[in-house]
PDB file of N, CA and C in Angstrom:
ATOM      1  N   MET A   1       0.834  -1.170   0.000  1.00  0.00           N
ATOM      2  CA  MET A   1       0.000   0.000   0.000  1.00  0.00           C
ATOM      3  C   MET A   1       0.885   1.241   0.000  1.00  0.00           C
ATOM      4  N   GLN A   2       0.528   2.213  -0.813  1.00  0.00           N
ATOM      5  CA  GLN A   2       1.343   3.410  -0.949  1.00  0.00           C
ATOM      6  C   GLN A   2       1.073   4.356   0.216  1.00  0.00           C
ATOM      7  N   GLN A   3       2.142   4.877   0.776  1.00  0.00           N
ATOM      8  CA  GLN A   3       2.035   5.826   1.884  1.00  0.00           C
ATOM      9  C   GLN A   3       1.696   7.206   1.323  1.00  0.00           C
ATOM     10  N   PRO A   4       0.826   7.948   2.001  1.00  0.00           N
ATOM     11  CA  PRO A   4       0.534   9.308   1.534  1.00  0.00           C
ATOM     12  C   PRO A   4       1.774  10.186   1.679  1.00  0.00           C
ATOM     13  N   SER A   5       1.905  11.149   0.774  1.00  0.00           N
ATOM     14  CA  SER A   5       3.040  12.072   0.826  1.00  0.00           C
ATOM     15  C   SER A   5       2.864  13.030   1.992  1.00  0.00           C
ATOM     16  N   PRO A   6       3.959  13.370   2.668  1.00  0.00           N
ATOM     17  CA  PRO A   6       3.846  14.373   3.727  1.00  0.00           C
ATOM     18  C   PRO A   6       3.441  15.714   3.119  1.00  0.00           C
ATOM     19  N   PRO A   7       2.775  16.566   3.889  1.00  0.00           N
ATOM     20  CA  PRO A   7       2.265  17.830   3.334  1.00  0.00           C
ATOM     21  C   PRO A   7       3.357  18.739   2.774  1.00  0.00           C
ATOM     22  N   ASP A   8       4.588  18.634   3.264  1.00  0.00           N
ATOM     23  CA  ASP A   8       5.645  19.520   2.780  1.00  0.00           C
ATOM     24  C   ASP A   8       6.454  18.908   1.627  1.00  0.00           C
ATOM     25  N   ALA A   9       6.052  17.738   1.131  1.00  0.00           N
ATOM     26  CA  ALA A   9       6.777  17.078   0.042  1.00  0.00           C
ATOM     27  C   ALA A   9       6.511  17.802  -1.277  1.00  0.00           C
ATOM     28  N   ALA A  10       7.494  17.761  -2.161  1.00  0.00           N
ATOM     29  CA  ALA A  10       7.348  18.383  -3.482  1.00  0.00           C
ATOM     30  C   ALA A  10       6.308  17.613  -4.291  1.00  0.00           C
ATOM     31  N   PRO A  11       5.505  18.315  -5.072  1.00  0.00           N
ATOM     32  CA  PRO A  11       4.495  17.612  -5.883  1.00  0.00           C
ATOM     33  C   PRO A  11       5.170  16.731  -6.932  1.00  0.00           C
ATOM     34  N   ARG A  12       4.529  15.635  -7.224  1.00  0.00           N
ATOM     35  CA  ARG A  12       5.051  14.709  -8.232  1.00  0.00           C
ATOM     36  C   ARG A  12       4.745  15.243  -9.624  1.00  0.00           C
ATOM     37  N   PRO A  13       5.650  15.016 -10.554  1.00  0.00           N
ATOM     38  CA  PRO A  13       5.348  15.431 -11.932  1.00  0.00           C
ATOM     39  C   PRO A  13       4.232  14.545 -12.487  1.00  0.00           C
ATOM     40  N   PRO A  14       3.455  15.081 -13.419  1.00  0.00           N
ATOM     41  CA  PRO A  14       2.376  14.262 -13.992  1.00  0.00           C
ATOM     42  C   PRO A  14       2.946  13.060 -14.738  1.00  0.00           C
ATOM     43  N   ALA A  15       2.183  11.999 -14.741  1.00  0.00           N
ATOM     44  CA  ALA A  15       2.597  10.785 -15.455  1.00  0.00           C
ATOM     45  C   ALA A  15       2.643  11.089 -16.948  1.00  0.00           C
ATOM     46  N   PRO A  16       3.600  10.516 -17.674  1.00  0.00           N
ATOM     47  CA  PRO A  16       3.662  10.766 -19.121  1.00  0.00           C
ATOM     48  C   PRO A  16       2.424  10.194 -19.810  1.00  0.00           C
ATOM     49  N   GLU A  17       1.986  10.899 -20.836  1.00  0.00           N
ATOM     50  CA  GLU A  17       0.810  10.448 -21.577  1.00  0.00           C
ATOM     51  C   GLU A  17       1.194   9.324 -22.525  1.00  0.00           C
ATOM     52  N   LEU A  18       0.276   8.408 -22.700  1.00  0.00           N
ATOM     53  CA  LEU A  18       0.474   7.293 -23.611  1.00  0.00           C
ATOM     54  C   LEU A  18      -0.314   7.580 -24.875  1.00  0.00           C
ATOM     55  N   GLU A  19       0.350   7.546 -26.006  1.00  0.00           N
ATOM     56  CA  GLU A  19      -0.321   7.808 -27.271  1.00  0.00           C
ATOM     57  C   GLU A  19      -0.674   6.483 -27.931  1.00  0.00           C
ATOM     58  N   VAL A  20      -1.950   6.322 -28.273  1.00  0.00           N
ATOM     59  CA  VAL A  20      -2.435   5.087 -28.884  1.00  0.00           C
ATOM     60  C   VAL A  20      -3.084   5.437 -30.215  1.00  0.00           C
ATOM     61  N   ASP A  21      -2.719   4.704 -31.252  1.00  0.00           N
ATOM     62  CA  ASP A  21      -3.315   4.891 -32.568  1.00  0.00           C
ATOM     63  C   ASP A  21      -4.809   4.570 -32.502  1.00  0.00           C
ATOM     64  N   ALA A  22      -5.634   5.403 -33.120  1.00  0.00           N
ATOM     65  CA  ALA A  22      -7.082   5.202 -33.087  1.00  0.00           C
ATOM     66  C   ALA A  22      -7.472   3.849 -33.674  1.00  0.00           C
ATOM     67  N   GLY A  23      -6.806   3.437 -34.739  1.00  0.00           N
ATOM     68  CA  GLY A  23      -7.106   2.138 -35.352  1.00  0.00           C
ATOM     69  C   GLY A  23      -6.836   0.988 -34.401  1.00  0.00           C
ATOM     70  N   ASP A  24      -5.748   1.093 -33.636  1.00  0.00           N
ATOM     71  CA  ASP A  24      -5.432   0.046 -32.659  1.00  0.00           C
ATOM     72  C   ASP A  24      -6.478  -0.009 -31.556  1.00  0.00           C
ATOM     73  N   ALA A  25      -6.948   1.155 -31.114  1.00  0.00           N
ATOM     74  CA  ALA A  25      -7.984   1.193 -30.076  1.00  0.00           C
ATOM     75  C   ALA A  25      -9.271   0.556 -30.593  1.00  0.00           C
ATOM     76  N   ILE A  26      -9.623   0.849 -31.837  1.00  0.00           N
ATOM     77  CA  ILE A  26     -10.837   0.271 -32.421  1.00  0.00           C
ATOM     78  C   ILE A  26     -10.684  -1.237 -32.568  1.00  0.00           C
ATOM     79  N   ARG A  27      -9.511  -1.708 -32.993  1.00  0.00           N
ATOM     80  CA  ARG A  27      -9.296  -3.159 -33.111  1.00  0.00           C
ATOM     81  C   ARG A  27      -9.420  -3.856 -31.757  1.00  0.00           C
ATOM     82  N   LEU A  28      -8.979  -3.206 -30.700  1.00  0.00           N
ATOM     83  CA  LEU A  28      -9.121  -3.773 -29.361  1.00  0.00           C
ATOM     84  C   LEU A  28     -10.597  -3.893 -28.982  1.00  0.00           C
ATOM     85  N   ILE A  29     -11.373  -2.867 -29.294  1.00  0.00           N
ATOM     86  CA  ILE A  29     -12.813  -2.914 -29.024  1.00  0.00           C
ATOM     87  C   ILE A  29     -13.465  -3.993 -29.878  1.00  0.00           C
ATOM     88  N   LEU A  30     -13.068  -4.102 -31.148  1.00  0.00           N
ATOM     89  CA  LEU A  30     -13.615  -5.137 -32.030  1.00  0.00           C
ATOM     90  C   LEU A  30     -13.323  -6.531 -31.485  1.00  0.00           C
ATOM     91  N   GLN A  31     -12.121  -6.725 -30.979  1.00  0.00           N
ATOM     92  CA  GLN A  31     -11.768  -8.021 -30.391  1.00  0.00           C
ATOM     93  C   GLN A  31     -12.664  -8.328 -29.194  1.00  0.00           C
ATOM     94  N   PHE A  32     -12.909  -7.332 -28.344  1.00  0.00           N
ATOM     95  CA  PHE A  32     -13.803  -7.512 -27.198  1.00  0.00           C
ATOM     96  C   PHE A  32     -15.206  -7.889 -27.670  1.00  0.00           C
ATOM     97  N   LEU A  33     -15.701  -7.179 -28.680  1.00  0.00           N
ATOM     98  CA  LEU A  33     -17.046  -7.460 -29.190  1.00  0.00           C
ATOM     99  C   LEU A  33     -17.136  -8.872 -29.746  1.00  0.00           C
ATOM    100  N   ARG A  34     -16.105  -9.308 -30.466  1.00  0.00           N
ATOM    101  CA  ARG A  34     -16.119 -10.666 -31.022  1.00  0.00           C
ATOM    102  C   ARG A  34     -16.069 -11.708 -29.914  1.00  0.00           C
ATOM    103  N   GLU A  35     -15.197 -11.514 -28.936  1.00  0.00           N
ATOM    104  CA  GLU A  35     -15.068 -12.477 -27.842  1.00  0.00           C
ATOM    105  C   GLU A  35     -16.351 -12.596 -27.028  1.00  0.00           C
ATOM    106  N   ASN A  36     -17.147 -11.531 -27.016  1.00  0.00           N
ATOM    107  CA  ASN A  36     -18.402 -11.543 -26.271  1.00  0.00           C
ATOM    108  C   ASN A  36     -19.607 -11.771 -27.174  1.00  0.00           C
ATOM    109  N   ARG A  37     -19.321 -12.222 -28.405  1.00  0.00           N
ATOM    110  CA  ARG A  37     -20.342 -12.607 -29.374  1.00  0.00           C
ATOM    111  C   ARG A  37     -21.335 -11.477 -29.678  1.00  0.00           C
ATOM    112  N   LEU A  38     -20.838 -10.258 -29.714  1.00  0.00           N
ATOM    113  CA  LEU A  38     -21.653  -9.089 -30.036  1.00  0.00           C
ATOM    114  C   LEU A  38     -21.400  -8.722 -31.505  1.00  0.00           C
ATOM    115  N   PHE A  39     -21.797  -9.645 -32.382  1.00  0.00           N
ATOM    116  CA  PHE A  39     -21.442  -9.536 -33.794  1.00  0.00           C
ATOM    117  C   PHE A  39     -22.113  -8.364 -34.500  1.00  0.00           C
ATOM    118  N   GLY A  40     -23.337  -8.033 -34.114  1.00  0.00           N
ATOM    119  CA  GLY A  40     -24.011  -6.882 -34.724  1.00  0.00           C
ATOM    120  C   GLY A  40     -23.279  -5.586 -34.421  1.00  0.00           C
ATOM    121  N   ALA A  41     -22.898  -5.416 -33.170  1.00  0.00           N
ATOM    122  CA  ALA A  41     -22.145  -4.225 -32.773  1.00  0.00           C
ATOM    123  C   ALA A  41     -20.780  -4.213 -33.455  1.00  0.00           C
ATOM    124  N   MET A  42     -20.192  -5.385 -33.584  1.00  0.00           N
ATOM    125  CA  MET A  42     -18.884  -5.495 -34.232  1.00  0.00           C
ATOM    126  C   MET A  42     -18.972  -5.065 -35.696  1.00  0.00           C
ATOM    127  N   ARG A  43     -19.984  -5.567 -36.407  1.00  0.00           N
ATOM    128  CA  ARG A  43     -20.160  -5.195 -37.817  1.00  0.00           C
ATOM    129  C   ARG A  43     -20.406  -3.691 -37.956  1.00  0.00           C
ATOM    130  N   ALA A  44     -21.248  -3.150 -37.068  1.00  0.00           N
ATOM    131  CA  ALA A  44     -21.558  -1.719 -37.140  1.00  0.00           C
ATOM    132  C   ALA A  44     -20.305  -0.874 -36.921  1.00  0.00           C
ATOM    133  N   LEU A  45     -19.496  -1.240 -35.938  1.00  0.00           N
ATOM    134  CA  LEU A  45     -18.268  -0.491 -35.664  1.00  0.00           C
ATOM    135  C   LEU A  45     -17.291  -0.599 -36.831  1.00  0.00           C
ATOM    136  N   GLN A  46     -17.176  -1.785 -37.422  1.00  0.00           N
ATOM    137  CA  GLN A  46     -16.286  -1.957 -38.575  1.00  0.00           C
ATOM    138  C   GLN A  46     -16.742  -1.099 -39.751  1.00  0.00           C
ATOM    139  N   GLU A  47     -18.050  -1.069 -39.992  1.00  0.00           N
ATOM    140  CA  GLU A  47     -18.571  -0.291 -41.115  1.00  0.00           C
ATOM    141  C   GLU A  47     -18.373   1.202 -40.897  1.00  0.00           C
ATOM    142  N   GLU A  48     -18.689   1.673 -39.690  1.00  0.00           N
ATOM    143  CA  GLU A  48     -18.586   3.109 -39.429  1.00  0.00           C
ATOM    144  C   GLU A  48     -17.148   3.590 -39.344  1.00  0.00           C
ATOM    145  N   SER A  49     -16.267   2.776 -38.789  1.00  0.00           N
ATOM    146  CA  SER A  49     -14.879   3.201 -38.594  1.00  0.00           C
ATOM    147  C   SER A  49     -13.989   2.873 -39.789  1.00  0.00           C
ATOM    148  N   GLN A  50     -14.457   1.985 -40.665  1.00  0.00           N
ATOM    149  CA  GLN A  50     -13.649   1.495 -41.785  1.00  0.00           C
ATOM    150  C   GLN A  50     -12.368   0.823 -41.294  1.00  0.00           C
ATOM    151  N   VAL A  51     -12.441   0.224 -40.097  1.00  0.00           N
ATOM    152  CA  VAL A  51     -11.335  -0.535 -39.512  1.00  0.00           C
ATOM    153  C   VAL A  51     -11.855  -1.944 -39.284  1.00  0.00           C
ATOM    154  N   SER A  52     -11.086  -2.948 -39.686  1.00  0.00           N
ATOM    155  CA  SER A  52     -11.525  -4.316 -39.445  1.00  0.00           C
ATOM    156  C   SER A  52     -10.524  -5.024 -38.556  1.00  0.00           C
ATOM    157  N   LEU A  53     -11.013  -6.023 -37.852  1.00  0.00           N
ATOM    158  CA  LEU A  53     -10.163  -6.789 -36.948  1.00  0.00           C
ATOM    159  C   LEU A  53      -9.186  -7.634 -37.749  1.00  0.00           C
ATOM    160  N   ASN A  54      -9.666  -8.216 -38.838  1.00  0.00           N
ATOM    161  CA  ASN A  54      -8.814  -8.985 -39.752  1.00  0.00           C
ATOM    162  C   ASN A  54      -7.985 -10.043 -39.035  1.00  0.00           C
ATOM    163  N   ALA A  55      -8.644 -10.857 -38.234  1.00  0.00           N
ATOM    164  CA  ALA A  55      -7.955 -11.912 -37.482  1.00  0.00           C
ATOM    165  C   ALA A  55      -8.870 -13.126 -37.374  1.00  0.00           C
ATOM    166  N   VAL A  56      -8.260 -14.270 -37.200  1.00  0.00           N
ATOM    167  CA  VAL A  56      -9.012 -15.497 -36.951  1.00  0.00           C
ATOM    168  C   VAL A  56      -8.931 -15.804 -35.459  1.00  0.00           C
ATOM    169  N   ASP A  57      -9.852 -16.634 -34.982  1.00  0.00           N
ATOM    170  CA  ASP A  57      -9.877 -16.954 -33.553  1.00  0.00           C
ATOM    171  C   ASP A  57      -8.586 -17.610 -33.096  1.00  0.00           C
ATOM    172  N   SER A  58      -8.092 -18.555 -33.874  1.00  0.00           N
ATOM    173  CA  SER A  58      -6.867 -19.270 -33.508  1.00  0.00           C
ATOM    174  C   SER A  58      -6.049 -19.522 -34.770  1.00  0.00           C
ATOM    175  N   ALA A  59      -4.872 -18.935 -34.821  1.00  0.00           N
ATOM    176  CA  ALA A  59      -4.011 -19.124 -35.992  1.00  0.00           C
ATOM    177  C   ALA A  59      -3.615 -20.588 -36.146  1.00  0.00           C
ATOM    178  N   ALA A  60      -3.372 -21.267 -35.028  1.00  0.00           N
ATOM    179  CA  ALA A  60      -2.977 -22.679 -35.081  1.00  0.00           C
ATOM    180  C   ALA A  60      -4.115 -23.539 -35.627  1.00  0.00           C
ATOM    181  N   ALA A  61      -5.332 -23.296 -35.163  1.00  0.00           N
ATOM    182  CA  ALA A  61      -6.483 -24.064 -35.646  1.00  0.00           C
ATOM    183  C   ALA A  61      -6.739 -23.770 -37.122  1.00  0.00           C
ATOM    184  N   PHE A  62      -6.584 -22.513 -37.508  1.00  0.00           N
ATOM    185  CA  PHE A  62      -6.768 -22.130 -38.907  1.00  0.00           C
ATOM    186  C   PHE A  62      -5.751 -22.849 -39.795  1.00  0.00           C
ATOM    187  N   ALA A  63      -4.488 -22.838 -39.392  1.00  0.00           N
ATOM    188  CA  ALA A  63      -3.438 -23.514 -40.160  1.00  0.00           C
ATOM    189  C   ALA A  63      -3.699 -25.015 -40.241  1.00  0.00           C
ATOM    190  N   ASP A  64      -4.193 -25.600 -39.151  1.00  0.00           N
ATOM    191  CA  ASP A  64      -4.511 -27.029 -39.135  1.00  0.00           C
ATOM    192  C   ASP A  64      -5.658 -27.337 -40.097  1.00  0.00           C
ATOM    193  N   ASP A  65      -6.674 -26.460 -40.112  1.00  0.00           N
ATOM    194  CA  ASP A  65      -7.794 -26.648 -41.039  1.00  0.00           C
ATOM    195  C   ASP A  65      -7.314 -26.581 -42.487  1.00  0.00           C
ATOM    196  N   VAL A  66      -6.420 -25.649 -42.786  1.00  0.00           N
ATOM    197  CA  VAL A  66      -5.874 -25.537 -44.145  1.00  0.00           C
ATOM    198  C   VAL A  66      -5.073 -26.789 -44.484  1.00  0.00           C
ATOM    199  N   ALA A  67      -4.202 -27.201 -43.568  1.00  0.00           N
ATOM    200  CA  ALA A  67      -3.330 -28.356 -43.812  1.00  0.00           C
ATOM    201  C   ALA A  67      -4.116 -29.640 -44.030  1.00  0.00           C
ATOM    202  N   HIS A  68      -5.278 -29.750 -43.384  1.00  0.00           N
ATOM    203  CA  HIS A  68      -6.074 -30.975 -43.488  1.00  0.00           C
ATOM    204  C   HIS A  68      -7.264 -30.842 -44.444  1.00  0.00           C
ATOM    205  N   GLY A  69      -7.288 -29.744 -45.207  1.00  0.00           N
ATOM    206  CA  GLY A  69      -8.308 -29.595 -46.239  1.00  0.00           C
ATOM    207  C   GLY A  69      -9.719 -29.397 -45.727  1.00  0.00           C
ATOM    208  N   ARG A  70      -9.882 -28.851 -44.547  1.00  0.00           N
ATOM    209  CA  ARG A  70     -11.225 -28.582 -44.010  1.00  0.00           C
ATOM    210  C   ARG A  70     -11.673 -27.201 -44.510  1.00  0.00           C
ATOM    211  N   TRP A  71     -11.983 -27.155 -45.802  1.00  0.00           N
ATOM    212  CA  TRP A  71     -12.237 -25.883 -46.463  1.00  0.00           C
ATOM    213  C   TRP A  71     -13.512 -25.217 -45.991  1.00  0.00           C
ATOM    214  N   ASP A  72     -14.487 -25.994 -45.547  1.00  0.00           N
ATOM    215  CA  ASP A  72     -15.703 -25.377 -45.021  1.00  0.00           C
ATOM    216  C   ASP A  72     -15.367 -24.502 -43.813  1.00  0.00           C
ATOM    217  N   ARG A  73     -14.489 -24.980 -42.942  1.00  0.00           N
ATOM    218  CA  ARG A  73     -14.071 -24.201 -41.766  1.00  0.00           C
ATOM    219  C   ARG A  73     -13.208 -23.008 -42.177  1.00  0.00           C
ATOM    220  N   VAL A  74     -12.309 -23.237 -43.131  1.00  0.00           N
ATOM    221  CA  VAL A  74     -11.428 -22.161 -43.595  1.00  0.00           C
ATOM    222  C   VAL A  74     -12.263 -21.020 -44.166  1.00  0.00           C
ATOM    223  N   LEU A  75     -13.210 -21.356 -45.034  1.00  0.00           N
ATOM    224  CA  LEU A  75     -14.038 -20.327 -45.662  1.00  0.00           C
ATOM    225  C   LEU A  75     -14.894 -19.601 -44.633  1.00  0.00           C
ATOM    226  N   GLN A  76     -15.396 -20.312 -43.632  1.00  0.00           N
ATOM    227  CA  GLN A  76     -16.191 -19.690 -42.576  1.00  0.00           C
ATOM    228  C   GLN A  76     -15.357 -18.645 -41.829  1.00  0.00           C
ATOM    229  N   GLN A  77     -14.101 -18.987 -41.539  1.00  0.00           N
ATOM    230  CA  GLN A  77     -13.242 -18.069 -40.787  1.00  0.00           C
ATOM    231  C   GLN A  77     -12.781 -16.883 -41.627  1.00  0.00           C
ATOM    232  N   THR A  78     -12.687 -17.065 -42.938  1.00  0.00           N
ATOM    233  CA  THR A  78     -12.185 -15.981 -43.782  1.00  0.00           C
ATOM    234  C   THR A  78     -13.278 -15.010 -44.210  1.00  0.00           C
ATOM    235  N   LYS A  79     -14.526 -15.297 -43.904  1.00  0.00           N
ATOM    236  CA  LYS A  79     -15.616 -14.396 -44.291  1.00  0.00           C
ATOM    237  C   LYS A  79     -15.415 -12.982 -43.754  1.00  0.00           C
ATOM    238  N   ALA A  80     -14.953 -12.865 -42.527  1.00  0.00           N
ATOM    239  CA  ALA A  80     -14.812 -11.550 -41.901  1.00  0.00           C
ATOM    240  C   ALA A  80     -13.481 -10.875 -42.216  1.00  0.00           C
ATOM    241  N   LEU A  81     -12.579 -11.587 -42.888  1.00  0.00           N
ATOM    242  CA  LEU A  81     -11.266 -11.012 -43.182  1.00  0.00           C
ATOM    243  C   LEU A  81     -11.326 -10.114 -44.409  1.00  0.00           C
ATOM    244  N   GLU A  82     -10.497  -9.095 -44.412  1.00  0.00           N
ATOM    245  CA  GLU A  82     -10.372  -8.256 -45.595  1.00  0.00           C
ATOM    246  C   GLU A  82      -9.208  -8.775 -46.418  1.00  0.00           C
ATOM    247  N   CYS A  83      -9.526  -9.617 -47.383  1.00  0.00           N
ATOM    248  CA  CYS A  83      -8.510 -10.190 -48.269  1.00  0.00           C
ATOM    249  C   CYS A  83      -8.713  -9.614 -49.663  1.00  0.00           C
ATOM    250  N   SER A  84      -7.681  -9.676 -50.450  1.00  0.00           N
ATOM    251  CA  SER A  84      -7.821  -9.216 -51.830  1.00  0.00           C
ATOM    252  C   SER A  84      -8.805 -10.133 -52.555  1.00  0.00           C
ATOM    253  N   ALA A  85      -9.390  -9.615 -53.610  1.00  0.00           N
ATOM    254  CA  ALA A  85     -10.328 -10.414 -54.397  1.00  0.00           C
ATOM    255  C   ALA A  85      -9.637 -11.656 -54.946  1.00  0.00           C
ATOM    256  N   ALA A  86      -8.383 -11.504 -55.354  1.00  0.00           N
ATOM    257  CA  ALA A  86      -7.640 -12.649 -55.901  1.00  0.00           C
ATOM    258  C   ALA A  86      -7.440 -13.728 -54.839  1.00  0.00           C
ATOM    259  N   ALA A  87      -7.117 -13.327 -53.613  1.00  0.00           N
ATOM    260  CA  ALA A  87      -6.916 -14.306 -52.533  1.00  0.00           C
ATOM    261  C   ALA A  87      -8.217 -15.039 -52.224  1.00  0.00           C
ATOM    262  N   MET A  88      -9.329 -14.311 -52.196  1.00  0.00           N
ATOM    263  CA  MET A  88     -10.617 -14.957 -51.920  1.00  0.00           C
ATOM    264  C   MET A  88     -10.994 -15.918 -53.047  1.00  0.00           C
ATOM    265  N   MET A  89     -10.725 -15.531 -54.285  1.00  0.00           N
ATOM    266  CA  MET A  89     -11.017 -16.425 -55.408  1.00  0.00           C
ATOM    267  C   MET A  89     -10.181 -17.693 -55.299  1.00  0.00           C
ATOM    268  N   ASP A  90      -8.919 -17.554 -54.933  1.00  0.00           N
ATOM    269  CA  ASP A  90      -8.051 -18.723 -54.762  1.00  0.00           C
ATOM    270  C   ASP A  90      -8.606 -19.656 -53.691  1.00  0.00           C
ATOM    271  N   LEU A  91      -9.089 -19.097 -52.591  1.00  0.00           N
ATOM    272  CA  LEU A  91      -9.649 -19.927 -51.519  1.00  0.00           C
ATOM    273  C   LEU A  91     -10.879 -20.693 -51.997  1.00  0.00           C
ATOM    274  N   TYR A  92     -11.762 -20.011 -52.714  1.00  0.00           N
ATOM    275  CA  TYR A  92     -12.993 -20.661 -53.159  1.00  0.00           C
ATOM    276  C   TYR A  92     -12.746 -21.676 -54.267  1.00  0.00           C
ATOM    277  N   GLU A  93     -11.641 -21.549 -54.978  1.00  0.00           N
ATOM    278  CA  GLU A  93     -11.336 -22.503 -56.040  1.00  0.00           C
ATOM    279  C   GLU A  93     -10.662 -23.764 -55.522  1.00  0.00           C
ATOM    280  N   LEU A  94     -10.152 -23.742 -54.282  1.00  0.00           N
ATOM    281  CA  LEU A  94      -9.464 -24.916 -53.735  1.00  0.00           C
ATOM    282  C   LEU A  94     -10.411 -26.030 -53.428  1.00  0.00           C
TER     283      LEU A  94
END
């Protein structure tokens, strides 16, 4: 527990400010919304902010699905990703 400063002590300098990129803050909120299954709010925030989370739930599980040809799972996970049209066409052609 922190001891209170004596009344004659010099004031402490203010803590340095932390600068956070707005896109990073939005991605953090998007991750929270996804983890709490608030998909409608997540879609709305992505549309209004033009920022997407662009992540899968588990990179290891995603890689395993690709390696074992479970394309139904791969395509389900890539729906929310912002991929180039060429990359999406390649996925659907596999």
